[in-house]
Amino acid sequence: MDTNRDLQILAQQDNLQLQDRENEVIQALMALDPIIADGFRRDLHQYINDENLRMAGHRERIAHVIWVFGFLPLPVVNYGLLWRRNRPRSFWHAISATVLSAISICVKCLRWLLYFLTIGHYVWGVIKSSLMFACAATFSDNSLWDLYTYAMRGFPLLLHRHTMMYGGEALRTDSVSNFIVDNLANKLRTTCMSIHSANETIRTCSLHNETLIYRFSEAFEKTSTVQKFPPWVVTILTVFTYTSYVTLAQVLGFNIVLFYLLQTGYRMQNPLTILTRLVVSGWKGLQEYVL
């Protein structure tokens, strides 16, 4: 309401100024030639109407461009209109709106975090369940962590951090790099032991190397052809062979399960058909007897 009233007042002031100028010019022309004065009056009225429409459009816009000398653009900002349209109704209202927006954003972020954690846990459970054939083929309860432990055996810092956390040290959260290192170290499959003495307790951890992937690595290391290459070549060759073996076990396992389900369905098809026909015949006979 304040904005509309201000615009009306400005428009009235402009109209009064233009009318005064119009009257002065027309009186001067009437003294010379009434016909020219009448034509000038019509043209001036049309110009005033167009100018009023243009100025009203500019007043309703926060920013517009005027052309200086017909070719130089000059941006103009109506700061009064900007403040009137965007000023808060109340200082406390603005504060409460900001607080509510911040709380809403925090709730949404927490909701998405819980959603992704739940989905991640569910997907990880599905992956573990689907790797039952790989675990059976590798004689392990988790073939993925065996592969991860073998691939990380060349980083002694991870094993050191794993030993420290086994002793009771918490995850480091002072930096992103330390947090990532501690999480990677926590996933290692190790065999840890504590030796207690009168003065101190010694804790040691070693990688769990009694798995199939280590047997593959030992087999490649004993090969004379592979011994000529650097250790990282043995690691890559072992990881590739182990991954291929696990993938083949998964494919064979799924094929066996699918074949079993199909054969069971084929064997159950005839008994189910006979049972369905008996039920339908009995129902029809019961309907005829009752009706």
Protein backbone atom coordinates (compact mmCIF):
# COMPACT_ATOMS: atom_id res chain seq x y z
CA MET A 1 0.00 0.00 0.00
CA ASP A 2 2.83 2.48 0.78
CA THR A 3 4.46 1.79 -2.58
CA ASN A 4 1.28 2.49 -4.57
CA ARG A 5 0.62 5.74 -2.69
CA ASP A 6 4.18 6.97 -3.31
CA LEU A 7 3.88 6.16 -7.00
CA GLN A 8 0.60 8.06 -7.26
CA ILE A 9 2.08 11.13 -5.55
CA LEU A 10 5.09 11.14 -7.90
CA ALA A 11 2.85 10.77 -10.95
CA GLN A 12 0.65 13.68 -9.83
CA GLN A 13 3.67 15.93 -9.31
CA ASP A 14 5.00 15.13 -12.79
CA ASN A 15 1.60 15.80 -14.36
CA LEU A 16 1.34 19.18 -12.67
CA GLN A 17 4.79 20.21 -13.89
CA LEU A 18 4.04 19.12 -17.45
CA GLN A 19 0.69 20.92 -17.44
CA ASP A 20 2.34 24.15 -16.32
CA ARG A 21 4.88 23.93 -19.13
CA GLU A 22 2.13 23.05 -21.61
CA ASN A 23 0.08 26.09 -20.65
CA GLU A 24 3.05 28.41 -21.00
CA VAL A 25 3.95 27.11 -24.47
CA ILE A 26 0.32 27.12 -25.71
CA GLN A 27 -0.27 30.68 -24.54
CA ALA A 28 2.81 31.81 -26.44
CA LEU A 29 1.67 30.02 -29.62
CA MET A 30 -1.92 31.31 -29.34
CA ALA A 31 -0.55 34.80 -29.59
CA LEU A 32 1.07 33.87 -32.91
CA ASP A 33 -1.32 31.38 -34.63
CA PRO A 34 -4.33 29.54 -33.09
CA ILE A 35 -4.19 26.68 -35.66
CA ILE A 36 -0.56 25.90 -34.89
CA ALA A 37 -1.32 26.11 -31.17
CA ASP A 38 -4.19 23.59 -31.50
CA GLY A 39 -2.02 21.05 -33.37
CA PHE A 40 0.78 21.54 -30.91
CA ARG A 41 -1.66 20.94 -28.04
CA ARG A 42 -2.69 17.53 -29.49
CA ASP A 43 0.91 16.46 -30.09
CA LEU A 44 1.89 17.60 -26.63
CA HIS A 45 -0.95 15.65 -25.02
CA GLN A 46 0.13 12.51 -26.86
CA TYR A 47 3.74 13.04 -25.79
CA ILE A 48 2.70 13.58 -22.18
CA ASN A 49 0.66 10.37 -22.16
CA ASP A 50 3.53 8.36 -23.62
CA GLU A 51 5.96 9.91 -21.15
CA ASN A 52 3.66 9.12 -18.23
CA LEU A 53 3.40 5.49 -19.31
CA ARG A 54 7.18 5.24 -19.66
CA MET A 55 7.88 6.85 -16.30
CA ALA A 56 5.25 4.70 -14.59
CA GLY A 57 6.92 1.60 -15.97
CA HIS A 58 10.30 2.81 -14.72
CA ARG A 59 8.92 3.57 -11.27
CA GLU A 60 7.47 0.07 -10.97
CA ARG A 61 10.82 -1.52 -11.82
CA ILE A 62 13.68 -1.73 -9.38
CA ALA A 63 16.28 -1.32 -12.13
CA HIS A 64 16.11 -0.02 -15.69
CA VAL A 65 18.41 1.39 -18.35
CA ILE A 66 18.38 4.89 -19.78
CA TRP A 67 20.26 5.82 -22.94
CA VAL A 68 22.53 8.84 -22.71
CA PHE A 69 22.94 10.66 -26.05
CA GLY A 70 20.98 7.83 -27.64
CA PHE A 71 23.80 5.26 -27.63
CA LEU A 72 25.36 5.11 -24.13
CA PRO A 73 23.45 2.76 -21.73
CA LEU A 74 23.29 3.88 -18.12
CA PRO A 75 21.78 1.48 -15.53
CA VAL A 76 19.56 3.12 -12.93
CA VAL A 77 18.55 1.47 -9.64
CA ASN A 78 15.50 2.65 -7.71
CA TYR A 79 16.85 2.14 -4.19
CA GLY A 80 13.72 3.51 -2.55
CA LEU A 81 11.52 1.00 -4.34
CA LEU A 82 14.06 -1.74 -3.63
CA TRP A 83 13.89 -1.02 0.10
CA ARG A 84 10.10 -0.67 0.16
CA ARG A 85 9.60 -4.00 -1.58
CA ASN A 86 12.22 -5.99 0.30
CA ARG A 87 12.35 -4.51 3.77
CA PRO A 88 11.22 -6.87 6.55
CA ARG A 89 7.89 -6.17 8.16
CA SER A 90 9.43 -6.72 11.53
CA PHE A 91 12.96 -7.27 12.78
CA TRP A 92 11.86 -10.19 14.95
CA HIS A 93 9.90 -11.62 12.04
CA ALA A 94 13.06 -11.60 9.93
CA ILE A 95 15.06 -13.27 12.72
CA SER A 96 12.40 -15.95 13.27
CA ALA A 97 12.21 -16.62 9.53
CA THR A 98 16.00 -17.00 9.37
CA VAL A 99 16.05 -19.36 12.37
CA LEU A 100 13.22 -21.45 10.93
CA SER A 101 15.00 -21.66 7.57
CA ALA A 102 18.23 -22.78 9.26
CA ILE A 103 16.38 -25.42 11.30
CA SER A 104 14.59 -26.64 8.18
CA ILE A 105 17.88 -26.97 6.29
CA CYS A 106 19.48 -28.88 9.20
CA VAL A 107 16.50 -31.24 9.40
CA LYS A 108 16.65 -31.89 5.66
CA CYS A 109 20.40 -32.56 5.80
CA LEU A 110 19.94 -34.94 8.74
CA ARG A 111 17.11 -36.68 6.92
CA TRP A 112 19.23 -37.16 3.80
CA LEU A 113 22.17 -38.37 5.91
CA LEU A 114 20.02 -40.99 7.64
CA TYR A 115 18.56 -41.97 4.28
CA PHE A 116 21.97 -42.51 2.68
CA LEU A 117 23.26 -44.38 5.73
CA THR A 118 20.24 -46.68 5.66
CA ILE A 119 20.49 -47.24 1.92
CA GLY A 120 24.23 -47.85 2.20
CA HIS A 121 23.74 -50.40 4.96
CA TYR A 122 21.01 -52.13 2.98
CA VAL A 123 23.04 -52.18 -0.25
CA TRP A 124 26.07 -53.52 1.62
CA GLY A 125 23.91 -56.28 3.09
CA VAL A 126 22.63 -57.16 -0.38
CA ILE A 127 26.19 -57.26 -1.73
CA LYS A 128 27.34 -59.50 1.11
CA SER A 129 24.38 -61.83 0.55
CA SER A 130 25.02 -61.98 -3.17
CA LEU A 131 28.69 -62.88 -2.59
CA MET A 132 27.88 -66.16 -0.84
CA PHE A 133 29.15 -68.17 -3.79
CA ALA A 134 32.41 -66.21 -3.87
CA CYS A 135 32.88 -66.74 -0.13
CA ALA A 136 32.22 -70.46 -0.54
CA ALA A 137 34.70 -70.68 -3.43
CA THR A 138 37.42 -68.77 -1.53
CA PHE A 139 36.81 -70.54 1.83
CA SER A 140 36.33 -67.17 3.52
CA ASP A 141 33.53 -65.33 5.26
CA ASN A 142 34.19 -62.16 3.24
CA SER A 143 36.21 -62.35 0.04
CA LEU A 144 36.06 -58.59 -0.55
CA TRP A 145 37.87 -57.74 2.68
CA ASP A 146 40.45 -60.41 1.88
CA LEU A 147 41.09 -58.68 -1.43
CA TYR A 148 41.26 -55.29 0.28
CA THR A 149 43.68 -56.51 2.95
CA TYR A 150 45.99 -58.00 0.35
CA ALA A 151 45.93 -54.85 -1.79
CA MET A 152 46.81 -52.68 1.24
CA ARG A 153 49.62 -54.87 2.55
CA GLY A 154 52.23 -52.48 1.12
CA PHE A 155 51.14 -49.59 3.38
CA PRO A 156 52.62 -50.13 6.87
CA LEU A 157 51.03 -46.90 8.14
CA LEU A 158 47.59 -48.51 7.91
CA LEU A 159 48.70 -51.51 9.95
CA HIS A 160 50.29 -49.19 12.53
CA ARG A 161 47.07 -47.19 12.87
CA HIS A 162 45.08 -50.41 13.12
CA THR A 163 47.31 -51.51 16.00
CA MET A 164 46.88 -48.16 17.75
CA MET A 165 43.09 -48.37 17.43
CA TYR A 166 43.19 -51.94 18.69
CA GLY A 167 44.84 -50.52 21.80
CA GLY A 168 41.89 -48.20 22.39
CA GLU A 169 42.80 -45.09 20.43
CA ALA A 170 39.80 -43.42 18.80
CA LEU A 171 39.42 -42.38 15.20
CA ARG A 172 41.15 -39.11 14.40
CA THR A 173 38.82 -36.37 13.24
CA ASP A 174 41.22 -33.42 13.30
CA SER A 175 41.61 -33.55 9.51
CA VAL A 176 39.99 -35.25 6.54
CA SER A 177 43.16 -37.13 5.58
CA ASN A 178 43.61 -38.61 9.07
CA PHE A 179 39.94 -39.60 9.18
CA ILE A 180 40.23 -41.39 5.83
CA VAL A 181 43.46 -43.14 6.86
CA ASP A 182 41.93 -44.38 10.12
CA ASN A 183 38.84 -45.66 8.33
CA LEU A 184 40.97 -47.50 5.79
CA ALA A 185 43.09 -48.97 8.57
CA ASN A 186 40.02 -50.07 10.50
CA LYS A 187 38.87 -52.25 7.58
CA LEU A 188 41.99 -54.40 7.53
CA ARG A 189 41.60 -58.06 8.43
CA THR A 190 44.24 -58.73 11.06
CA THR A 191 45.21 -61.05 13.86
CA CYS A 192 45.96 -59.04 17.00
CA MET A 193 47.31 -60.04 20.39
CA SER A 194 48.20 -58.29 23.65
CA ILE A 195 51.19 -59.18 25.83
CA HIS A 196 50.80 -57.99 29.41
CA SER A 197 53.77 -57.42 31.67
CA ALA A 198 54.31 -55.74 35.01
CA ASN A 199 55.18 -52.37 33.49
CA GLU A 200 53.38 -52.18 30.16
CA THR A 201 51.13 -53.90 27.68
CA ILE A 202 52.46 -54.64 24.23
CA ARG A 203 49.92 -54.95 21.43
CA THR A 204 50.79 -56.31 18.01
CA CYS A 205 48.73 -56.89 14.89
CA SER A 206 49.56 -58.79 11.74
CA LEU A 207 47.64 -59.10 8.50
CA HIS A 208 45.42 -62.13 8.17
CA ASN A 209 47.36 -63.90 5.42
CA GLU A 210 45.81 -67.35 5.71
CA THR A 211 43.49 -66.71 2.78
CA LEU A 212 43.26 -67.90 -0.80
CA ILE A 213 44.50 -64.66 -2.32
CA TYR A 214 47.79 -64.99 -0.43
CA ARG A 215 48.12 -68.53 -1.75
CA PHE A 216 47.74 -67.13 -5.27
CA SER A 217 50.40 -64.53 -4.52
CA GLU A 218 52.82 -67.14 -3.17
CA ALA A 219 52.28 -69.26 -6.27
CA PHE A 220 53.10 -66.33 -8.55
CA GLU A 221 56.14 -65.34 -6.48
CA LYS A 222 57.58 -68.82 -6.86
CA THR A 223 57.26 -68.65 -10.64
CA SER A 224 60.59 -67.87 -12.26
CA THR A 225 59.02 -65.71 -14.96
CA VAL A 226 57.20 -63.47 -12.49
CA GLN A 227 60.23 -63.11 -10.20
CA LYS A 228 61.88 -60.88 -12.81
CA PHE A 229 59.18 -58.20 -12.42
CA PRO A 230 58.74 -55.63 -9.62
CA PRO A 231 56.49 -56.50 -6.64
CA TRP A 232 53.63 -54.31 -7.87
CA VAL A 233 53.34 -56.51 -10.97
CA VAL A 234 52.80 -59.53 -8.72
CA THR A 235 50.14 -57.60 -6.82
CA ILE A 236 48.27 -56.61 -9.99
CA LEU A 237 48.50 -60.13 -11.40
CA THR A 238 47.25 -61.65 -8.14
CA VAL A 239 44.36 -59.21 -7.81
CA PHE A 240 43.30 -59.82 -11.41
CA THR A 241 43.45 -63.61 -11.02
CA TYR A 242 41.60 -63.55 -7.71
CA THR A 243 38.90 -61.22 -9.10
CA SER A 244 38.43 -63.43 -12.15
CA TYR A 245 38.16 -66.49 -9.94
CA VAL A 246 35.57 -64.83 -7.68
CA THR A 247 33.56 -63.58 -10.66
CA LEU A 248 33.55 -67.04 -12.23
CA ALA A 249 32.39 -68.56 -8.94
CA GLN A 250 29.57 -66.02 -8.73
CA VAL A 251 28.41 -66.72 -12.28
CA LEU A 252 28.49 -70.49 -11.78
CA GLY A 253 26.66 -70.20 -8.47
CA PHE A 254 23.87 -68.07 -9.93
CA ASN A 255 23.54 -70.42 -12.89
CA ILE A 256 23.20 -73.42 -10.58
CA VAL A 257 20.53 -71.68 -8.50
CA LEU A 258 18.64 -70.57 -11.61
CA PHE A 259 18.82 -74.08 -13.09
CA TYR A 260 17.54 -75.56 -9.83
CA LEU A 261 14.62 -73.11 -9.68
CA LEU A 262 13.67 -73.77 -13.30
CA GLN A 263 13.81 -77.54 -12.88
CA THR A 264 11.77 -77.31 -9.69
CA GLY A 265 9.20 -75.20 -11.50
CA TYR A 266 8.98 -77.68 -14.37
CA ARG A 267 8.55 -80.59 -11.96
CA MET A 268 5.89 -78.76 -9.98
CA GLN A 269 3.98 -77.67 -13.07
CA ASN A 270 2.07 -80.93 -13.67
CA PRO A 271 1.03 -81.50 -10.02
CA LEU A 272 -0.07 -77.87 -9.73
CA THR A 273 -2.08 -78.18 -12.95
CA ILE A 274 -3.82 -81.34 -11.73
CA LEU A 275 -4.52 -79.78 -8.33
CA THR A 276 -5.94 -76.63 -9.96
CA ARG A 277 -8.24 -78.66 -12.19
CA LEU A 278 -9.46 -80.71 -9.23
CA VAL A 279 -10.26 -77.57 -7.26
CA VAL A 280 -12.10 -76.01 -10.20
CA SER A 281 -14.08 -79.20 -10.89
CA GLY A 282 -15.02 -79.59 -7.23
CA TRP A 283 -16.11 -75.97 -7.01
CA LYS A 284 -18.28 -76.27 -10.12
CA GLY A 285 -19.84 -79.50 -8.83
CA LEU A 286 -20.56 -77.88 -5.49
CA GLN A 287 -22.23 -74.93 -7.22
CA GLU A 288 -24.44 -77.25 -9.33
CA TYR A 289 -25.40 -79.31 -6.28
CA VAL A 290 -26.25 -76.25 -4.20
CA LEU A 291 -28.03 -74.35 -6.94
